[in-house]
Amino acid sequence: MTIKNKYSKLFITLIVILSSIPFVLGADCIGEDCESNMTIVITDTTPPTWENPRNFTHEVNTSFSEAFNASDVGGISYYWLNDTTIFNISQIGTITNVSALSNISIHYINVSVNDTAGNIASIIIWINVTLPSITLTISSPTNTTYNYVDVDLLVSTTGIIDTHWYKLNSGNNITFIPNITLNNLEWEQYHTIQVWVNNSEGNIVTEIRRFYIGDIRTNYLMYYLLVLVLGGLLLLLGCEREDPILMILEGFLFSAFSITYAIKGYPTIDSEFLNIVIITISSGFAFYLMAIGSLQLVEDRT
């Protein structure tokens, strides 16, 4: 075969192949219209992608509403749950409770989403329905100095509290119902108090305060001296003017002294006998003044 004949046959074969293209593409695909009439079909087999999938911890006896979304190139068709007894999900992916969340429990939910091509993505999440978090604040005592031996223990809390208890210095743990008074604390001494609270799930929070009880004798002495001075002045005025009203007032004043001393005493007087003597004398004097004043008042009116 000559070179001329060889290239002639190759040329003829190329012509035949090119002329057959319209029949392969279809009768409508001729010339300039071929490109515009071609159709390419792409099948979507990729499921949606979850955006920020997560579990939830939720407070009991409150409503639940959380967005749980997915994305897909072809678009999202709808969301659905495997069980809608307690929770449901909207078509935009918002999970809400349809029954009251009144029990402490963990709910496992299968959340699914369909895209427009029918692809499905599913994920299992849990919603932990639990007690609210608890907090504790001690408003008294504070980290300061007190000049009296009876200090209030004042606490405030949030959440559902099961038990309150405290420990003073190296003493035992003592349960209490707020609020109380810590009585007869040692003076001229530092005190440390720790308070705990817990809920029924065993969660515990605690706070500590350290305070100082100073020299309390001055406060007691000033009070008792004030009562005695006022009582003495009233006694002088009552005797000078022979005024029964003043004498009755003197009696009340000494009664206040007697009652206060019986409750508080005096820090440096530890003798029970001496305390009884002071209370007896002051209360007897008070009774005497009120009796004399009352009799005099009756006589003046008759």
Protein backbone atom coordinates (compact mmCIF):
# COMPACT_ATOMS: atom_id res chain seq x y z
CA MET A 1 0.00 0.00 0.00
CA THR A 2 1.39 3.39 -0.94
CA ILE A 3 1.55 6.30 1.46
CA LYS A 4 -1.09 8.13 -0.57
CA ASN A 5 -3.61 5.30 -0.30
CA LYS A 6 -2.90 4.93 3.43
CA TYR A 7 -3.75 8.55 4.23
CA SER A 8 -6.76 8.48 1.91
CA LYS A 9 -8.32 5.64 3.94
CA LEU A 10 -7.53 7.41 7.22
CA PHE A 11 -9.24 10.56 5.98
CA ILE A 12 -12.34 8.65 4.88
CA THR A 13 -12.55 6.90 8.31
CA LEU A 14 -12.35 10.26 10.12
CA ILE A 15 -15.18 11.64 7.96
CA VAL A 16 -17.41 8.70 8.82
CA ILE A 17 -16.82 9.12 12.58
CA LEU A 18 -17.52 12.84 12.57
CA SER A 19 -20.68 12.42 10.50
CA SER A 20 -22.06 9.93 13.01
CA ILE A 21 -21.95 12.34 16.01
CA PRO A 22 -25.42 13.88 15.40
CA PHE A 23 -26.96 10.39 15.45
CA VAL A 24 -25.22 9.54 18.71
CA LEU A 25 -26.27 12.77 20.41
CA GLY A 26 -29.79 12.61 19.02
CA ALA A 27 -31.72 14.06 16.14
CA ASP A 28 -32.25 17.37 17.97
CA CYS A 29 -28.54 17.85 18.70
CA ILE A 30 -27.41 19.36 15.38
CA GLY A 31 -25.10 22.26 14.90
CA GLU A 32 -25.43 25.22 17.21
CA ASP A 33 -28.40 23.72 19.12
CA CYS A 34 -26.42 20.72 20.31
CA GLU A 35 -24.94 22.36 23.42
CA SER A 36 -28.22 23.89 24.59
CA ASN A 37 -30.14 20.61 24.36
CA MET A 38 -27.71 18.44 26.32
CA THR A 39 -29.01 17.29 29.80
CA ILE A 40 -26.70 16.09 32.60
CA VAL A 41 -28.38 14.27 35.55
CA ILE A 42 -26.54 14.26 38.95
CA THR A 43 -27.93 12.01 41.72
CA ASP A 44 -27.67 13.35 45.35
CA THR A 45 -26.58 10.53 47.64
CA THR A 46 -25.06 12.62 50.45
CA PRO A 47 -27.12 12.85 53.69
CA PRO A 48 -27.52 16.15 55.56
CA THR A 49 -24.84 17.35 57.96
CA TRP A 50 -25.69 18.11 61.60
CA GLU A 51 -24.75 21.58 62.82
CA ASN A 52 -23.45 21.65 66.41
CA PRO A 53 -24.92 18.31 67.59
CA ARG A 54 -25.03 18.25 71.39
CA ASN A 55 -26.69 16.90 74.53
CA PHE A 56 -28.68 19.02 76.96
CA THR A 57 -29.02 19.43 80.72
CA HIS A 58 -32.36 20.92 81.65
CA GLU A 59 -34.05 22.08 84.85
CA VAL A 60 -36.97 20.02 86.08
CA ASN A 61 -40.51 21.48 85.92
CA THR A 62 -39.60 23.98 83.20
CA SER A 63 -40.31 24.06 79.45
CA PHE A 64 -37.68 22.81 77.03
CA SER A 65 -37.02 24.46 73.66
CA GLU A 66 -33.74 24.10 71.78
CA ALA A 67 -32.79 24.45 68.10
CA PHE A 68 -31.19 21.35 66.58
CA ASN A 69 -30.36 21.97 62.94
CA ALA A 70 -28.82 20.29 59.92
CA SER A 71 -27.71 21.58 56.52
CA ASP A 72 -27.71 20.08 53.02
CA VAL A 73 -26.73 21.39 49.59
CA GLY A 74 -30.00 20.22 48.10
CA GLY A 75 -32.10 21.52 50.99
CA ILE A 76 -33.74 20.07 54.11
CA SER A 77 -37.14 18.44 53.76
CA TYR A 78 -38.19 17.67 57.34
CA TYR A 79 -37.06 16.57 60.85
CA TRP A 80 -38.52 13.78 62.92
CA LEU A 81 -38.06 11.89 66.21
CA ASN A 82 -38.33 8.19 66.92
CA ASP A 83 -40.66 8.87 69.87
CA THR A 84 -42.90 11.90 70.38
CA THR A 85 -44.37 10.90 73.74
CA ILE A 86 -42.39 13.53 75.67
CA PHE A 87 -40.60 15.57 72.98
CA ASN A 88 -41.35 16.68 69.45
CA ILE A 89 -39.40 18.53 66.76
CA SER A 90 -40.68 21.20 64.39
CA GLN A 91 -40.01 21.39 60.65
CA ILE A 92 -37.31 23.98 61.32
CA GLY A 93 -35.54 21.75 63.84
CA THR A 94 -36.73 23.07 67.22
CA ILE A 95 -37.09 20.38 69.88
CA THR A 96 -39.74 21.08 72.53
CA ASN A 97 -41.40 19.07 75.28
CA VAL A 98 -45.00 18.01 74.74
CA SER A 99 -45.35 16.49 78.22
CA ALA A 100 -44.46 17.98 81.61
CA LEU A 101 -40.84 17.45 82.63
CA SER A 102 -41.66 16.75 86.27
CA ASN A 103 -39.36 13.78 86.89
CA ILE A 104 -35.61 13.65 87.36
CA SER A 105 -34.44 11.43 84.48
CA ILE A 106 -32.34 11.20 81.32
CA HIS A 107 -34.20 10.95 78.00
CA TYR A 108 -32.45 9.43 74.97
CA ILE A 109 -33.80 10.67 71.64
CA ASN A 110 -33.10 9.57 68.07
CA VAL A 111 -33.23 12.74 65.96
CA SER A 112 -33.46 12.30 62.17
CA VAL A 113 -33.56 14.63 59.20
CA ASN A 114 -34.45 14.06 55.53
CA ASP A 115 -33.11 16.12 52.66
CA THR A 116 -35.06 16.78 49.45
CA ALA A 117 -33.46 13.76 47.77
CA GLY A 118 -34.61 11.38 50.49
CA ASN A 119 -31.24 10.98 52.18
CA ILE A 120 -31.45 10.57 55.97
CA ALA A 121 -29.08 11.55 58.77
CA SER A 122 -29.76 10.36 62.32
CA ILE A 123 -28.12 11.01 65.67
CA ILE A 124 -28.87 9.94 69.26
CA ILE A 125 -28.78 12.66 71.92
CA TRP A 126 -29.78 12.79 75.59
CA ILE A 127 -31.68 15.40 77.58
CA ASN A 128 -30.85 15.24 81.28
CA VAL A 129 -33.76 16.61 83.32
CA THR A 130 -32.28 17.47 86.68
CA LEU A 131 -32.64 19.69 89.72
CA PRO A 132 -31.56 23.32 89.32
CA SER A 133 -28.08 24.24 90.44
CA ILE A 134 -27.79 25.40 94.05
CA THR A 135 -25.97 28.40 95.48
CA LEU A 136 -25.19 29.56 99.01
CA THR A 137 -24.52 33.05 100.37
CA ILE A 138 -23.63 33.85 103.99
CA SER A 139 -24.64 37.41 104.83
CA SER A 140 -23.79 37.06 108.54
CA PRO A 141 -21.31 36.65 110.06
CA THR A 142 -18.84 38.47 107.85
CA ASN A 143 -15.06 38.51 108.06
CA THR A 144 -15.03 41.30 110.63
CA THR A 145 -14.85 42.05 114.37
CA TYR A 146 -17.89 41.91 116.65
CA ASN A 147 -18.13 43.40 120.12
CA TYR A 148 -20.88 41.07 121.30
CA VAL A 149 -21.04 37.33 121.88
CA ASP A 150 -24.33 36.52 120.11
CA VAL A 151 -23.88 36.58 116.33
CA ASP A 152 -26.60 35.83 113.78
CA LEU A 153 -26.01 33.12 111.20
CA LEU A 154 -27.91 34.35 108.15
CA VAL A 155 -27.77 32.43 104.88
CA SER A 156 -29.61 32.61 101.58
CA THR A 157 -29.77 29.95 98.88
CA THR A 158 -31.10 29.29 95.40
CA GLY A 159 -32.32 25.98 94.07
CA ILE A 160 -34.05 23.16 95.89
CA ILE A 161 -32.14 22.65 99.16
CA ASP A 162 -32.35 19.37 101.03
CA THR A 163 -30.17 20.06 104.10
CA HIS A 164 -28.31 22.95 105.78
CA TRP A 165 -25.50 22.30 108.24
CA TYR A 166 -22.59 24.15 109.79
CA LYS A 167 -19.44 23.58 111.80
CA LEU A 168 -18.16 26.17 114.27
CA ASN A 169 -14.42 26.05 114.94
CA SER A 170 -13.51 22.43 115.76
CA GLY A 171 -17.01 21.42 116.80
CA ASN A 172 -19.35 18.87 115.28
CA ASN A 173 -21.47 19.28 112.17
CA ILE A 174 -24.86 20.67 113.15
CA THR A 175 -27.92 20.71 110.91
CA PHE A 176 -30.12 23.79 111.13
CA ILE A 177 -33.05 25.57 109.57
CA PRO A 178 -32.12 29.15 108.58
CA ASN A 179 -31.79 31.49 110.24
CA ILE A 180 -30.29 31.10 113.73
CA THR A 181 -28.18 32.90 116.33
CA LEU A 182 -24.83 31.63 117.55
CA ASN A 183 -25.01 32.32 121.28
CA ASN A 184 -22.35 32.94 123.93
CA LEU A 185 -19.33 32.83 121.66
CA GLU A 186 -15.94 33.13 123.31
CA TRP A 187 -14.76 36.73 123.29
CA GLU A 188 -11.28 37.98 122.43
CA GLN A 189 -11.00 35.02 120.08
CA TYR A 190 -11.21 34.22 116.37
CA HIS A 191 -14.02 31.96 115.19
CA THR A 192 -14.32 30.02 111.94
CA ILE A 193 -17.68 28.84 110.67
CA GLN A 194 -18.26 26.69 107.61
CA VAL A 195 -21.74 26.22 106.16
CA TRP A 196 -22.82 23.54 103.68
CA VAL A 197 -26.03 22.98 101.72
CA ASN A 198 -26.95 20.09 99.45
CA ASN A 199 -29.82 18.93 97.29
CA SER A 200 -31.37 15.49 96.94
CA GLU A 201 -28.94 14.57 94.13
CA GLY A 202 -26.00 15.01 96.50
CA ASN A 203 -24.66 18.24 95.01
CA ILE A 204 -22.96 20.29 97.75
CA VAL A 205 -21.83 23.91 97.99
CA THR A 206 -20.06 25.47 100.96
CA GLU A 207 -18.81 28.81 102.25
CA ILE A 208 -16.49 29.78 105.12
CA ARG A 209 -16.37 32.90 107.31
CA ARG A 210 -13.75 33.85 109.91
CA PHE A 211 -14.59 36.57 112.40
CA TYR A 212 -13.34 37.96 115.70
CA ILE A 213 -15.18 38.60 118.95
CA GLY A 214 -13.51 41.56 120.65
CA ASP A 215 -13.53 42.85 124.23
CA ILE A 216 -17.22 42.99 125.04
CA ARG A 217 -16.91 44.29 128.60
CA THR A 218 -17.14 47.91 127.48
CA ASN A 219 -20.51 47.42 125.82
CA TYR A 220 -21.97 45.66 128.86
CA LEU A 221 -20.50 48.18 131.28
CA MET A 222 -21.82 51.16 129.30
CA TYR A 223 -25.31 49.69 129.16
CA TYR A 224 -25.51 48.84 132.84
CA LEU A 225 -24.02 52.18 133.91
CA LEU A 226 -26.49 54.02 131.70
CA VAL A 227 -29.42 52.17 133.27
CA LEU A 228 -28.13 52.77 136.79
CA VAL A 229 -27.42 56.47 136.19
CA LEU A 230 -30.84 57.07 134.65
CA GLY A 231 -32.46 55.11 137.47
CA GLY A 232 -30.56 57.16 140.06
CA LEU A 233 -31.59 60.44 138.45
CA LEU A 234 -35.21 59.38 138.29
CA LEU A 235 -35.01 58.24 141.90
CA LEU A 236 -33.70 61.62 143.01
CA LEU A 237 -36.32 63.48 141.03
CA GLY A 238 -39.06 61.17 142.27
CA CYS A 239 -38.06 61.60 145.92
CA GLU A 240 -37.60 65.34 145.60
CA ARG A 241 -40.88 65.94 143.83
CA GLU A 242 -42.70 63.03 145.42
CA ASP A 243 -43.92 62.18 141.92
CA PRO A 244 -45.40 58.63 141.77
CA ILE A 245 -45.12 58.50 137.96
CA LEU A 246 -41.35 58.99 138.17
CA MET A 247 -41.09 56.28 140.81
CA ILE A 248 -43.02 53.84 138.58
CA LEU A 249 -40.69 54.71 135.68
CA GLU A 250 -37.72 54.03 137.96
CA GLY A 251 -39.21 50.64 138.71
CA PHE A 252 -39.51 49.80 135.02
CA LEU A 253 -35.95 50.93 134.41
CA PHE A 254 -34.54 48.72 137.14
CA SER A 255 -36.74 45.88 135.88
CA ALA A 256 -35.09 46.25 132.47
CA PHE A 257 -31.70 46.13 134.17
CA SER A 258 -32.65 43.01 136.11
CA ILE A 259 -34.06 41.16 133.08
CA THR A 260 -31.12 42.06 130.87
CA TYR A 261 -28.62 40.98 133.47
CA ALA A 262 -30.46 37.71 133.98
CA ILE A 263 -30.19 36.99 130.24
CA LYS A 264 -26.75 38.41 129.46
CA GLY A 265 -24.91 38.55 132.75
CA TYR A 266 -21.47 40.17 132.75
CA PRO A 267 -18.45 38.61 131.00
CA THR A 268 -16.04 38.70 133.94
CA ILE A 269 -18.50 37.64 136.65
CA ASP A 270 -18.58 33.84 136.67
CA SER A 271 -19.93 33.47 140.22
CA GLU A 272 -23.46 32.14 140.07
CA PHE A 273 -24.11 33.33 143.63
CA LEU A 274 -23.01 36.87 142.86
CA ASN A 275 -25.16 36.96 139.72
CA ILE A 276 -28.19 35.82 141.73
CA VAL A 277 -27.53 38.52 144.32
CA ILE A 278 -27.35 41.26 141.65
CA ILE A 279 -30.52 40.08 139.93
CA THR A 280 -32.40 39.74 143.24
CA ILE A 281 -31.43 43.20 144.48
CA SER A 282 -32.21 44.95 141.19
CA SER A 283 -35.52 43.18 140.66
CA GLY A 284 -36.54 43.69 144.31
CA PHE A 285 -35.69 47.38 144.12
CA ALA A 286 -37.69 47.64 140.88
CA PHE A 287 -40.70 46.00 142.50
CA TYR A 288 -40.39 48.27 145.53
CA LEU A 289 -40.30 51.44 143.40
CA MET A 290 -43.27 50.39 141.27
CA ALA A 291 -45.27 49.40 144.35
CA ILE A 292 -44.57 52.66 146.22
CA GLY A 293 -45.27 54.71 143.12
CA SER A 294 -48.53 52.88 142.42
CA LEU A 295 -49.73 53.31 146.02
CA GLN A 296 -48.83 56.99 145.99
CA LEU A 297 -50.66 57.45 142.69
CA VAL A 298 -53.78 55.83 144.16
CA GLU A 299 -53.62 58.03 147.25
CA ASP A 300 -53.22 61.18 145.16
CA ARG A 301 -56.34 60.36 143.16
CA THR A 302 -58.55 59.55 146.17
